[in-house]
Protein backbone atom coordinates (compact mmCIF):
# COMPACT_ATOMS: atom_id res chain seq x y z
CA PHE A 1 -0.01 0.22 -0.17
CA ASP A 2 1.29 3.04 -0.91
CA PHE A 3 -0.74 5.32 0.46
CA SER A 4 -0.71 8.03 -2.55
CA ARG A 5 -4.45 10.05 -2.30
CA ASP A 6 -5.84 7.67 -5.40
CA SER A 7 -5.00 4.47 -3.14
CA LEU A 8 -6.39 5.90 -0.68
CA GLU A 9 -9.71 7.34 -3.00
CA ASP A 10 -9.13 3.66 -3.94
CA LEU A 11 -9.54 1.81 -0.92
CA ALA A 12 -12.42 5.05 0.09
CA LYS A 13 -14.86 3.60 -3.01
CA THR A 14 -14.04 0.64 -2.36
CA LEU A 15 -16.23 0.44 1.43
CA ALA A 16 -18.53 2.63 -0.19
CA GLY A 17 -19.49 0.06 -3.07
CA GLN A 18 -20.05 -2.13 0.21
CA VAL A 19 -22.43 0.23 0.79
CA LYS A 20 -24.61 -0.70 -2.25
CA LYS A 21 -24.34 -4.32 -0.83
CA ALA A 22 -25.89 -2.87 3.07
CA ARG A 23 -28.82 -1.58 1.06
CA GLU A 24 -29.67 -4.92 -0.37
CA ILE A 25 -30.74 -5.84 3.34
CA SER A 26 -33.44 -4.86 5.11
CA ASP A 27 -32.88 -7.14 8.24
CA VAL A 28 -31.45 -4.67 11.26
CA ARG A 29 -29.31 -8.06 12.42
CA GLU A 30 -28.08 -9.33 9.10
CA VAL A 31 -27.41 -5.68 7.75
CA MET A 32 -25.08 -4.72 11.42
CA ALA A 33 -24.01 -9.19 10.72
CA PHE A 34 -22.99 -7.83 7.56
CA TRP A 35 -20.22 -4.79 8.64
CA LYS A 36 -18.78 -6.90 10.96
CA SER A 37 -17.86 -9.92 8.87
CA SER A 38 -15.23 -7.47 7.61
CA ALA A 39 -13.63 -4.24 9.47
CA TRP A 40 -10.48 -1.65 8.65
CA LEU A 41 -8.96 -0.76 11.76
CA THR A 42 -6.65 2.21 11.42
CA VAL A 43 -3.64 3.75 13.97
CA LEU A 44 -4.34 7.15 13.85
CA ARG A 45 -7.10 9.36 14.41
CA ARG A 46 -6.16 12.37 12.19
CA GLY A 47 -4.11 12.52 8.76
CA PRO A 48 -5.30 11.19 5.59
CA GLU A 49 -5.00 7.79 6.51
CA GLY A 50 -6.58 8.24 10.13
CA SER A 51 -9.86 7.23 10.68
CA ARG A 52 -11.66 10.37 10.07
CA GLU A 53 -10.87 11.16 7.10
CA LEU A 54 -11.56 8.57 4.94
CA ASN A 55 -14.70 7.92 7.05
CA ARG A 56 -15.42 11.58 4.91
CA LEU A 57 -13.85 10.29 2.27
CA VAL A 58 -16.48 7.84 2.14
CA GLU A 59 -19.80 9.34 2.55
CA LYS A 60 -17.73 12.50 -0.17
CA ILE A 61 -18.10 9.76 -2.73
CA LEU A 62 -21.47 8.00 -1.65
CA VAL A 63 -22.42 11.79 -2.10
CA LEU A 64 -20.74 12.39 -5.26
CA GLN A 65 -21.91 9.04 -7.32
CA ARG A 66 -24.68 8.99 -6.12
CA MET A 67 -25.46 6.59 -4.35
CA VAL A 68 -27.30 7.05 -1.23
CA GLN A 69 -29.42 10.44 -0.85
CA PRO A 70 -29.35 11.22 2.87
CA GLU A 71 -31.83 12.13 4.91
CA ASN A 72 -30.58 14.75 7.42
CA GLY A 73 -26.99 13.25 6.92
CA TRP A 74 -28.57 9.06 7.53
CA TYR A 75 -28.68 6.62 5.33
CA HIS A 76 -30.32 2.94 4.62
CA GLY A 77 -26.72 0.74 5.34
CA ARG A 78 -24.64 3.71 7.70
CA PRO A 79 -22.08 1.79 10.66
CA ILE A 80 -21.75 4.46 13.15
CA ILE A 81 -20.09 4.18 16.13
CA ILE A 82 -20.77 6.10 19.68
CA THR A 83 -18.34 8.61 20.70
CA ARG A 84 -19.99 9.48 24.22
CA ASN A 85 -21.56 7.70 26.82
CA SER A 86 -25.01 8.61 26.58
CA TYR A 87 -27.68 7.05 29.65
CA SER A 88 -30.29 8.52 29.08
CA GLN A 89 -30.50 6.58 25.35
CA GLY A 90 -28.39 3.00 27.13
CA VAL A 91 -25.78 3.10 24.64
CA PHE A 92 -22.02 3.26 24.95
CA ASN A 93 -18.51 4.47 23.73
CA GLY A 94 -17.59 2.13 20.76
CA ASP A 95 -21.38 0.87 20.48
CA LEU A 96 -21.66 0.06 17.01
CA GLY A 97 -24.58 0.32 15.47
CA VAL A 98 -26.80 0.87 11.95
CA CYS A 99 -29.11 3.25 10.36
CA THR A 100 -31.84 1.24 7.92
CA ARG A 101 -34.72 2.59 6.83
CA ASP A 102 -37.83 1.59 8.53
CA GLU A 103 -41.39 -0.22 6.71
CA ASP A 104 -43.14 2.97 6.94
CA GLY A 105 -40.26 5.03 4.81
CA LYS A 106 -38.22 6.97 8.02
CA VAL A 107 -34.63 6.03 8.87
CA LYS A 108 -33.72 4.54 12.25
CA VAL A 109 -30.84 3.70 13.82
CA TYR A 110 -30.13 0.17 15.33
CA VAL A 111 -27.41 0.09 18.07
CA GLU A 112 -26.21 -3.04 19.63
CA SER A 113 -25.34 -2.48 23.98
CA GLY A 114 -24.08 -6.04 24.95
CA SER A 115 -26.62 -8.08 24.39
CA GLU A 116 -29.47 -5.50 23.59
CA ILE A 117 -30.22 -3.86 20.33
CA LYS A 118 -31.43 -0.19 21.07
CA LYS A 119 -33.47 1.52 18.90
CA LEU A 120 -32.74 5.49 17.85
CA GLN A 121 -34.36 8.49 16.71
CA PRO A 122 -31.15 9.51 14.58
CA ASN A 123 -31.86 13.38 15.59
CA ARG A 124 -31.48 12.72 18.73
CA LEU A 125 -27.95 11.19 18.72
CA THR A 126 -24.90 13.52 19.24
CA ASP A 127 -21.72 11.76 19.47
CA TYR A 128 -21.75 9.38 16.76
CA ALA A 129 -19.10 9.03 13.38
CA PRO A 130 -19.94 6.65 10.66
CA ALA A 131 -18.14 3.73 11.36
CA TYR A 132 -16.80 2.19 7.61
CA PHE A 133 -12.87 2.97 8.93
CA LEU A 134 -12.21 2.78 13.50
CA THR A 135 -9.20 3.25 14.90
CA VAL A 136 -7.83 0.17 16.85
CA HIS A 137 -8.62 2.14 20.14
CA LYS A 138 -12.28 2.53 19.26
CA SER A 139 -12.46 -0.97 18.11
CA GLN A 140 -11.73 -2.59 21.74
CA GLY A 141 -14.23 -4.68 22.86
CA SER A 142 -16.06 -5.90 19.11
CA GLU A 143 -14.38 -8.30 17.34
CA PHE A 144 -14.83 -9.05 13.34
CA GLU A 145 -14.60 -12.05 11.41
CA ASP A 146 -12.07 -10.25 8.91
CA VAL A 147 -9.46 -7.24 10.75
CA ASN A 148 -8.11 -5.36 8.29
CA LEU A 149 -5.19 -2.83 9.67
CA LEU A 150 -3.82 0.33 7.70
CA LEU A 151 -0.85 0.90 9.41
CA PRO A 152 -0.01 4.80 8.93
CA LYS A 153 2.46 6.63 6.70
CA ARG A 154 5.43 6.74 9.03
CA ASP A 155 5.89 5.98 12.49
CA THR A 156 4.26 7.31 15.43
CA PRO A 157 4.98 6.51 19.18
CA ILE A 158 1.72 5.49 19.41
CA LEU A 159 2.07 2.66 17.30
CA THR A 160 3.15 0.11 20.15
CA ARG A 161 2.92 -4.08 20.69
CA GLU A 162 0.38 -3.64 22.72
CA LEU A 163 -1.73 -1.33 19.84
CA LEU A 164 -1.28 -4.37 17.51
CA TYR A 165 -2.12 -6.76 19.80
CA THR A 166 -4.97 -4.84 20.63
CA ALA A 167 -6.01 -4.70 16.23
CA ILE A 168 -5.33 -8.36 15.65
CA THR A 169 -7.11 -10.11 18.25
CA ARG A 170 -10.79 -8.13 17.14
CA ALA A 171 -9.82 -10.84 14.06
CA ARG A 172 -11.93 -13.92 14.59
CA SER A 173 -10.94 -15.39 10.77
CA SER A 174 -8.74 -13.85 9.48
CA PHE A 175 -5.67 -10.66 9.91
CA ASN A 176 -4.64 -8.66 6.95
CA LEU A 177 -1.86 -5.50 7.08
CA TYR A 178 -1.40 -2.89 4.65
CA GLY A 179 1.38 -0.81 5.29
CA ASP A 180 5.39 -1.07 5.77
CA LEU A 181 6.11 -4.78 7.12
CA ASP A 182 9.66 -3.16 8.82
CA LEU A 183 6.71 -0.55 10.43
CA PHE A 184 5.12 -3.64 12.30
CA ALA A 185 8.29 -4.81 13.40
CA LYS A 186 9.38 -1.29 14.67
CA GLY A 187 5.90 -1.53 16.37
CA ILE A 188 5.94 -4.61 18.00
CA GLN A 189 9.38 -4.00 19.76
CA ARG A 190 7.37 -0.95 20.89
CA GLU A 191 5.74 -0.63 24.90
CA THR A 192 3.49 2.06 25.26
CA LEU A 193 4.58 4.67 27.49
CA ARG A 194 3.28 3.54 30.70
CA TYR A 195 5.42 0.28 31.05
CA THR A 196 8.39 1.94 29.56
CA GLY A 197 7.49 4.43 32.34
CA LEU A 198 7.37 1.66 35.60
CA LYS A 199 10.58 0.60 34.03
CA GLU A 200 12.48 3.46 34.17
CA LEU A 201 11.39 4.16 37.96
CA VAL A 202 12.15 0.86 38.90
CA ARG A 203 15.89 1.00 37.85
CA LYS A 204 16.54 4.45 39.48
């Protein structure tokens, strides 16, 4: 993966293409299962190869190519992640959900929280993000059949052994790596700062 603008756009187009398949599914649980069959994880949230920019790119492509007609930003098949606890609605940071259009033609959001699936009005949700791409940090607590990990273009202190372990263990069946193997190896050798700091204190 060369991290060029064209490559990132092609990746976003691939995810946008998945929405066409999700839109053919009407059952809520099946739509959720569809997005859990394969996940794209990123190390970074910001920057060209970060989850926030890639999610924006996917949704931009969906609108420009008229693959969806959003209703206040919402459309059938849209995967989301909750980004802050909402005790009043019973959903929590890291919960995954999907938007579907009911038989009455209205869009609703269904969020899987623990063993329950909560039905919510889209206009009541304020703390959420598209979930075509998730940071490894946000993916904690979730499992997917296949996981694709997009490494950053350059090394970063947050690329650690613990983060890579978290990414790999999100996968039930297969794990695919996109990026520089040398960077992956460097990350494996780096422990998180809190452990390194503790060791330094012990040495002293």
